[in-house]
Amino acid sequence: MEKINVMLNGLPGNVAGVIARHIQADTRLQLLPYALTGPQIEADQCHIGDMAIALIRPDARETRIETIKHEAGPFISVDYTHPSAISDNAEFYGRHQLPFVMGTTGGDRDQLSRNVVAANNTAIIAPNMAKQIVGFQAMMAYAAETFPNLFKGYHLTLRESHQTGKADTSGTAKAMVTYFNQMGVDFTAEQIEKERDPERQANMWGIPAAHLDGHAWHTYSLVSPDETARFQFTHNVNGRDIYGEGTADAVCFLSKQVAKGVTGKVYSMIDVLKSL
């Protein structure tokens, strides 16, 4: 079986580095030796194992991309960059007809989807690439649609903790807010309690020291109006490996859609799960 070429953008970032190693280990995929990177990156290349990856800053990408397309042939772009860059990146992918998987969180997600459709491009855009968490979200989405106002009047506390370097509030947490809203809970994304202090994470949350620089802990607590009933949902992820498998499956799913000639469409990770 011919491997799917993947251009992973966001290197030499920590998350992108983990994803790169998963792509290298996946027999379905072939990591390309190029990556879009941020304007602040001074290095011209980085290494993933024995492979040298050329880092392409924004001021050079327009001139480099056509050469890359010619040399590499068709490929899927995977974006693990920075929330501030994703809108511009999506427009770039659209201009050059580069189907992409958006693993970066943050930004205006509705605008991202509109950009894909307007450019007649094809993409997977998801707030979380971990398949098990996406499955949990799907269950909550089903509950929200099937049992509206299930938790009407309940008080919600939503706490999320990620490494210091995560700039935005968790996209997964924001998505969960919409489900709880549908189930009758009065709560906004601005009320999410966001933790980024390593000392508090270690001493108050109990997050292992080895994972302070890479984790995703979420707890959703619901208390009835009279405080006689309490429900709690928790998903704690240490490290970033869980996102690698989901990203690889997303790439394979998107490649199949592109091969079918699908254009102007945005998929979610739930679409990916349904195809497995």
Protein backbone atom coordinates (compact mmCIF):
# COMPACT_ATOMS: atom_id res chain seq x y z
CA MET A 1 0.00 0.00 0.00
CA GLU A 2 1.31 3.42 -0.96
CA LYS A 3 2.01 5.62 2.03
CA ILE A 4 0.23 8.94 2.61
CA ASN A 5 2.59 11.91 2.56
CA VAL A 6 2.24 14.22 5.57
CA MET A 7 3.59 17.74 6.03
CA LEU A 8 3.56 18.43 9.77
CA ASN A 9 3.47 22.13 10.60
CA GLY A 10 4.38 23.51 14.01
CA LEU A 11 7.82 22.00 14.49
CA PRO A 12 9.94 22.32 16.54
CA GLY A 13 7.07 22.64 19.05
CA ASN A 14 6.66 19.99 21.75
CA VAL A 15 3.26 18.71 20.60
CA ALA A 16 4.30 18.67 16.95
CA GLY A 17 7.43 16.71 17.94
CA VAL A 18 5.34 13.98 19.56
CA ILE A 19 2.99 13.84 16.56
CA ALA A 20 5.98 13.66 14.19
CA ARG A 21 7.32 10.57 15.93
CA HIS A 22 3.91 8.90 15.70
CA ILE A 23 3.75 9.66 11.98
CA GLN A 24 7.20 8.19 11.48
CA ALA A 25 6.17 5.01 13.32
CA ASP A 26 2.89 4.60 11.43
CA THR A 27 3.27 2.26 8.45
CA ARG A 28 0.45 4.07 6.63
CA LEU A 29 2.19 7.46 6.64
CA GLN A 30 5.32 9.15 5.32
CA LEU A 31 6.61 12.28 7.07
CA LEU A 32 7.87 14.90 4.61
CA PRO A 33 11.14 16.75 5.34
CA TYR A 34 9.46 20.18 5.43
CA ALA A 35 7.43 22.04 8.05
CA LEU A 36 5.88 25.48 8.33
CA THR A 37 7.02 27.21 11.50
CA GLY A 38 6.56 30.51 13.32
CA PRO A 39 8.32 33.81 12.54
CA GLN A 40 10.15 33.68 15.88
CA ILE A 41 11.95 30.41 15.04
CA GLU A 42 15.56 31.13 14.12
CA ALA A 43 16.67 27.60 13.24
CA ASP A 44 16.51 26.49 9.61
CA GLN A 45 15.89 22.86 10.49
CA CYS A 46 15.14 20.42 13.28
CA HIS A 47 15.59 16.67 13.63
CA ILE A 48 12.99 14.00 14.28
CA GLY A 49 15.06 10.91 14.94
CA ASP A 50 17.57 10.75 12.09
CA MET A 51 15.40 12.87 9.79
CA ALA A 52 16.22 16.53 9.12
CA ILE A 53 13.13 18.71 8.71
CA ALA A 54 13.50 22.04 6.89
CA LEU A 55 11.68 24.79 8.82
CA ILE A 56 9.87 27.33 6.64
CA ARG A 57 8.98 30.68 8.16
CA PRO A 58 5.90 32.66 7.02
CA ASP A 59 7.91 35.05 4.85
CA ALA A 60 9.22 32.15 2.75
CA ARG A 61 6.28 29.81 2.52
CA GLU A 62 4.61 31.29 -0.57
CA THR A 63 7.74 30.78 -2.66
CA ARG A 64 8.56 27.37 -1.20
CA ILE A 65 5.19 25.65 -1.32
CA GLU A 66 4.97 25.13 -5.08
CA THR A 67 8.41 23.52 -5.12
CA ILE A 68 7.37 21.26 -2.23
CA LYS A 69 4.17 20.25 -4.03
CA HIS A 70 6.19 19.43 -7.14
CA GLU A 71 8.79 17.40 -5.24
CA ALA A 72 6.47 15.59 -2.83
CA GLY A 73 3.33 15.10 -4.88
CA PRO A 74 -0.05 15.07 -3.06
CA PHE A 75 0.11 15.34 0.73
CA ILE A 76 -1.99 16.09 3.80
CA SER A 77 -1.00 19.06 5.96
CA VAL A 78 -1.25 18.61 9.74
CA ASP A 79 -1.34 21.79 11.80
CA TYR A 80 0.01 21.91 15.36
CA THR A 81 1.13 25.52 15.35
CA HIS A 82 -0.18 28.38 17.56
CA PRO A 83 -3.76 29.62 18.08
CA SER A 84 -2.81 33.06 16.75
CA ALA A 85 -1.70 31.53 13.44
CA ILE A 86 -4.46 29.11 12.54
CA SER A 87 -6.73 31.50 10.62
CA ASP A 88 -3.86 32.67 8.44
CA ASN A 89 -2.66 29.09 8.02
CA ALA A 90 -6.11 27.90 6.95
CA GLU A 91 -6.26 30.63 4.32
CA PHE A 92 -2.81 29.57 3.11
CA TYR A 93 -3.92 25.94 2.84
CA GLY A 94 -6.97 27.08 0.91
CA ARG A 95 -5.04 29.23 -1.56
CA HIS A 96 -2.80 26.31 -2.42
CA GLN A 97 -5.47 23.60 -2.23
CA LEU A 98 -3.79 21.75 0.61
CA PRO A 99 -6.22 19.53 2.53
CA PHE A 100 -5.42 19.72 6.23
CA VAL A 101 -6.01 18.33 9.71
CA MET A 102 -6.23 21.14 12.27
CA GLY A 103 -4.90 19.88 15.60
CA THR A 104 -4.23 23.39 16.92
CA THR A 105 -6.91 24.66 19.29
CA GLY A 106 -8.21 28.20 19.74
CA GLY A 107 -9.06 30.79 17.13
CA ASP A 108 -12.43 31.37 15.52
CA ARG A 109 -13.53 27.83 14.66
CA ASP A 110 -16.62 28.93 12.75
CA GLN A 111 -14.51 31.23 10.59
CA LEU A 112 -12.04 28.40 10.00
CA SER A 113 -14.83 26.23 8.64
CA ARG A 114 -16.14 29.05 6.45
CA ASN A 115 -12.64 29.57 5.03
CA VAL A 116 -12.39 25.89 4.09
CA VAL A 117 -15.74 25.92 2.30
CA ALA A 118 -15.06 29.25 0.56
CA ALA A 119 -11.72 27.95 -0.73
CA ASN A 120 -13.32 24.67 -1.87
CA ASN A 121 -10.76 22.90 0.29
CA THR A 122 -11.23 19.83 2.52
CA ALA A 123 -10.26 19.58 6.20
CA ILE A 124 -10.72 17.97 9.58
CA ILE A 125 -11.10 20.55 12.35
CA ALA A 126 -11.42 19.28 15.91
CA PRO A 127 -10.86 20.69 19.41
CA ASN A 128 -9.30 17.39 20.49
CA MET A 129 -7.56 14.64 18.53
CA ALA A 130 -7.65 12.01 21.30
CA LYS A 131 -10.13 9.39 20.10
CA GLN A 132 -11.31 8.34 23.55
CA ILE A 133 -12.05 11.93 24.59
CA VAL A 134 -13.79 12.56 21.27
CA GLY A 135 -15.92 9.48 21.98
CA PHE A 136 -16.80 10.91 25.38
CA GLN A 137 -17.75 14.20 23.72
CA ALA A 138 -19.95 12.30 21.28
CA MET A 139 -21.77 10.68 24.20
CA MET A 140 -22.33 14.09 25.77
CA ALA A 141 -23.50 15.50 22.44
CA TYR A 142 -26.01 12.65 22.19
CA ALA A 143 -27.25 13.37 25.72
CA ALA A 144 -27.58 17.06 24.94
CA GLU A 145 -29.64 16.39 21.83
CA THR A 146 -31.72 13.55 23.26
CA PHE A 147 -32.29 14.86 26.80
CA PRO A 148 -32.48 18.66 26.63
CA ASN A 149 -32.68 20.32 30.06
CA LEU A 150 -31.49 17.12 31.75
CA PHE A 151 -29.46 19.22 34.21
CA LYS A 152 -31.70 22.29 34.24
CA GLY A 153 -30.99 24.42 37.30
CA TYR A 154 -27.79 22.57 38.17
CA HIS A 155 -24.62 24.49 39.05
CA LEU A 156 -21.58 23.62 36.93
CA THR A 157 -17.92 23.93 37.93
CA LEU A 158 -15.50 23.29 35.07
CA ARG A 159 -11.77 23.07 35.82
CA GLU A 160 -9.06 22.40 33.27
CA SER A 161 -5.29 22.23 33.64
CA HIS A 162 -2.68 22.24 30.88
CA GLN A 163 1.03 22.96 30.66
CA THR A 164 2.18 26.57 31.07
CA GLY A 165 2.87 26.95 27.36
CA LYS A 166 -0.75 26.37 26.30
CA ALA A 167 -1.90 29.85 25.35
CA ASP A 168 -5.66 29.35 25.04
CA THR A 169 -8.48 27.89 27.09
CA SER A 170 -9.06 24.23 26.26
CA GLY A 171 -11.11 23.76 23.11
CA THR A 172 -12.50 20.53 24.55
CA ALA A 173 -13.72 22.37 27.64
CA LYS A 174 -15.39 25.02 25.46
CA ALA A 175 -17.12 22.31 23.43
CA MET A 176 -18.36 20.66 26.61
CA VAL A 177 -19.88 23.96 27.74
CA THR A 178 -22.16 23.94 24.69
CA TYR A 179 -23.41 20.44 25.55
CA PHE A 180 -24.15 21.39 29.15
CA ASN A 181 -25.93 24.54 27.92
CA GLN A 182 -28.20 22.32 25.81
CA MET A 183 -28.87 20.25 28.92
CA GLY A 184 -30.16 23.33 30.73
CA VAL A 185 -27.05 24.55 32.56
CA ASP A 186 -26.47 28.30 32.71
CA PHE A 187 -22.71 28.58 32.12
CA THR A 188 -20.35 30.42 29.78
CA ALA A 189 -16.87 29.64 28.51
CA GLU A 190 -15.57 32.63 30.46
CA GLN A 191 -16.40 30.78 33.69
CA ILE A 192 -14.00 27.92 32.92
CA GLU A 193 -11.32 27.72 35.61
CA LYS A 194 -8.01 27.53 33.73
CA GLU A 195 -4.85 26.39 35.54
CA ARG A 196 -1.38 27.00 34.10
CA ASP A 197 0.79 27.33 37.25
CA PRO A 198 3.12 24.31 37.67
CA GLU A 199 3.42 24.74 41.43
CA ARG A 200 -0.34 24.70 41.93
CA GLN A 201 -0.69 21.84 39.45
CA ALA A 202 1.77 19.72 41.43
CA ASN A 203 0.69 20.63 44.97
CA MET A 204 -3.06 21.20 44.61
CA TRP A 205 -4.01 19.07 41.61
CA GLY A 206 -1.57 16.21 42.16
CA ILE A 207 -0.33 16.19 38.60
CA PRO A 208 2.87 14.08 38.34
CA ALA A 209 6.04 16.17 38.06
CA ALA A 210 7.07 14.29 34.92
CA HIS A 211 3.98 15.57 33.11
CA LEU A 212 3.76 19.19 34.25
CA ASP A 213 5.11 20.22 30.83
CA GLY A 214 2.53 18.15 28.97
CA HIS A 215 -0.89 17.17 30.33
CA ALA A 216 -4.64 17.79 30.00
CA TRP A 217 -6.75 17.34 33.12
CA HIS A 218 -10.47 18.17 33.01
CA THR A 219 -13.18 17.86 35.64
CA TYR A 220 -16.86 18.78 35.17
CA SER A 221 -18.89 18.93 38.41
CA LEU A 222 -22.66 19.37 38.51
CA VAL A 223 -24.63 20.05 41.71
CA SER A 224 -28.42 20.12 41.96
CA PRO A 225 -30.21 23.32 43.04
CA ASP A 226 -30.86 21.90 46.54
CA GLU A 227 -27.33 20.42 46.70
CA THR A 228 -28.62 16.90 47.36
CA ALA A 229 -27.27 15.42 44.10
CA ARG A 230 -23.81 15.66 42.56
CA PHE A 231 -22.48 14.37 39.24
CA GLN A 232 -18.86 14.51 38.14
CA PHE A 233 -17.07 13.65 34.90
CA THR A 234 -13.28 13.56 34.68
CA HIS A 235 -10.71 12.83 31.98
CA ASN A 236 -7.03 13.23 32.82
CA VAL A 237 -4.33 12.76 30.20
CA ASN A 238 -0.61 12.76 31.02
CA GLY A 239 1.77 13.35 28.13
CA ARG A 240 0.80 13.81 24.49
CA ASP A 241 0.98 10.32 23.00
CA ILE A 242 -2.80 9.90 23.03
CA TYR A 243 -3.10 12.60 20.36
CA GLY A 244 -0.72 10.88 17.94
CA GLU A 245 -2.92 7.89 17.14
CA GLY A 246 -5.98 10.07 16.60
CA THR A 247 -4.06 12.41 14.32
CA ALA A 248 -2.78 9.51 12.22
CA ASP A 249 -6.30 8.10 11.82
CA ALA A 250 -7.56 11.58 10.90
CA VAL A 251 -4.93 11.86 8.16
CA CYS A 252 -5.95 8.50 6.70
CA PHE A 253 -9.64 9.42 6.80
CA LEU A 254 -9.04 12.77 5.11
CA SER A 255 -6.84 11.20 2.45
CA LYS A 256 -9.70 8.85 1.54
CA GLN A 257 -12.14 11.75 1.22
CA VAL A 258 -9.72 13.66 -1.01
CA ALA A 259 -9.26 10.55 -3.18
CA LYS A 260 -13.05 10.42 -3.60
CA GLY A 261 -12.98 13.99 -4.91
CA VAL A 262 -14.67 15.59 -1.89
CA THR A 263 -14.14 19.37 -1.77
CA GLY A 264 -15.59 22.28 0.19
CA LYS A 265 -16.27 20.16 3.29
CA VAL A 266 -15.18 20.19 6.92
CA TYR A 267 -15.14 16.97 8.93
CA SER A 268 -14.85 16.40 12.68
CA MET A 269 -13.08 13.72 14.68
CA ILE A 270 -16.48 12.15 15.27
CA ASP A 271 -16.62 11.51 11.52
CA VAL A 272 -13.23 9.82 11.83
CA LEU A 273 -14.41 7.63 14.72
CA LYS A 274 -17.48 6.53 12.81
CA SER A 275 -15.28 5.35 9.95
CA LEU A 276 -13.03 3.09 12.08
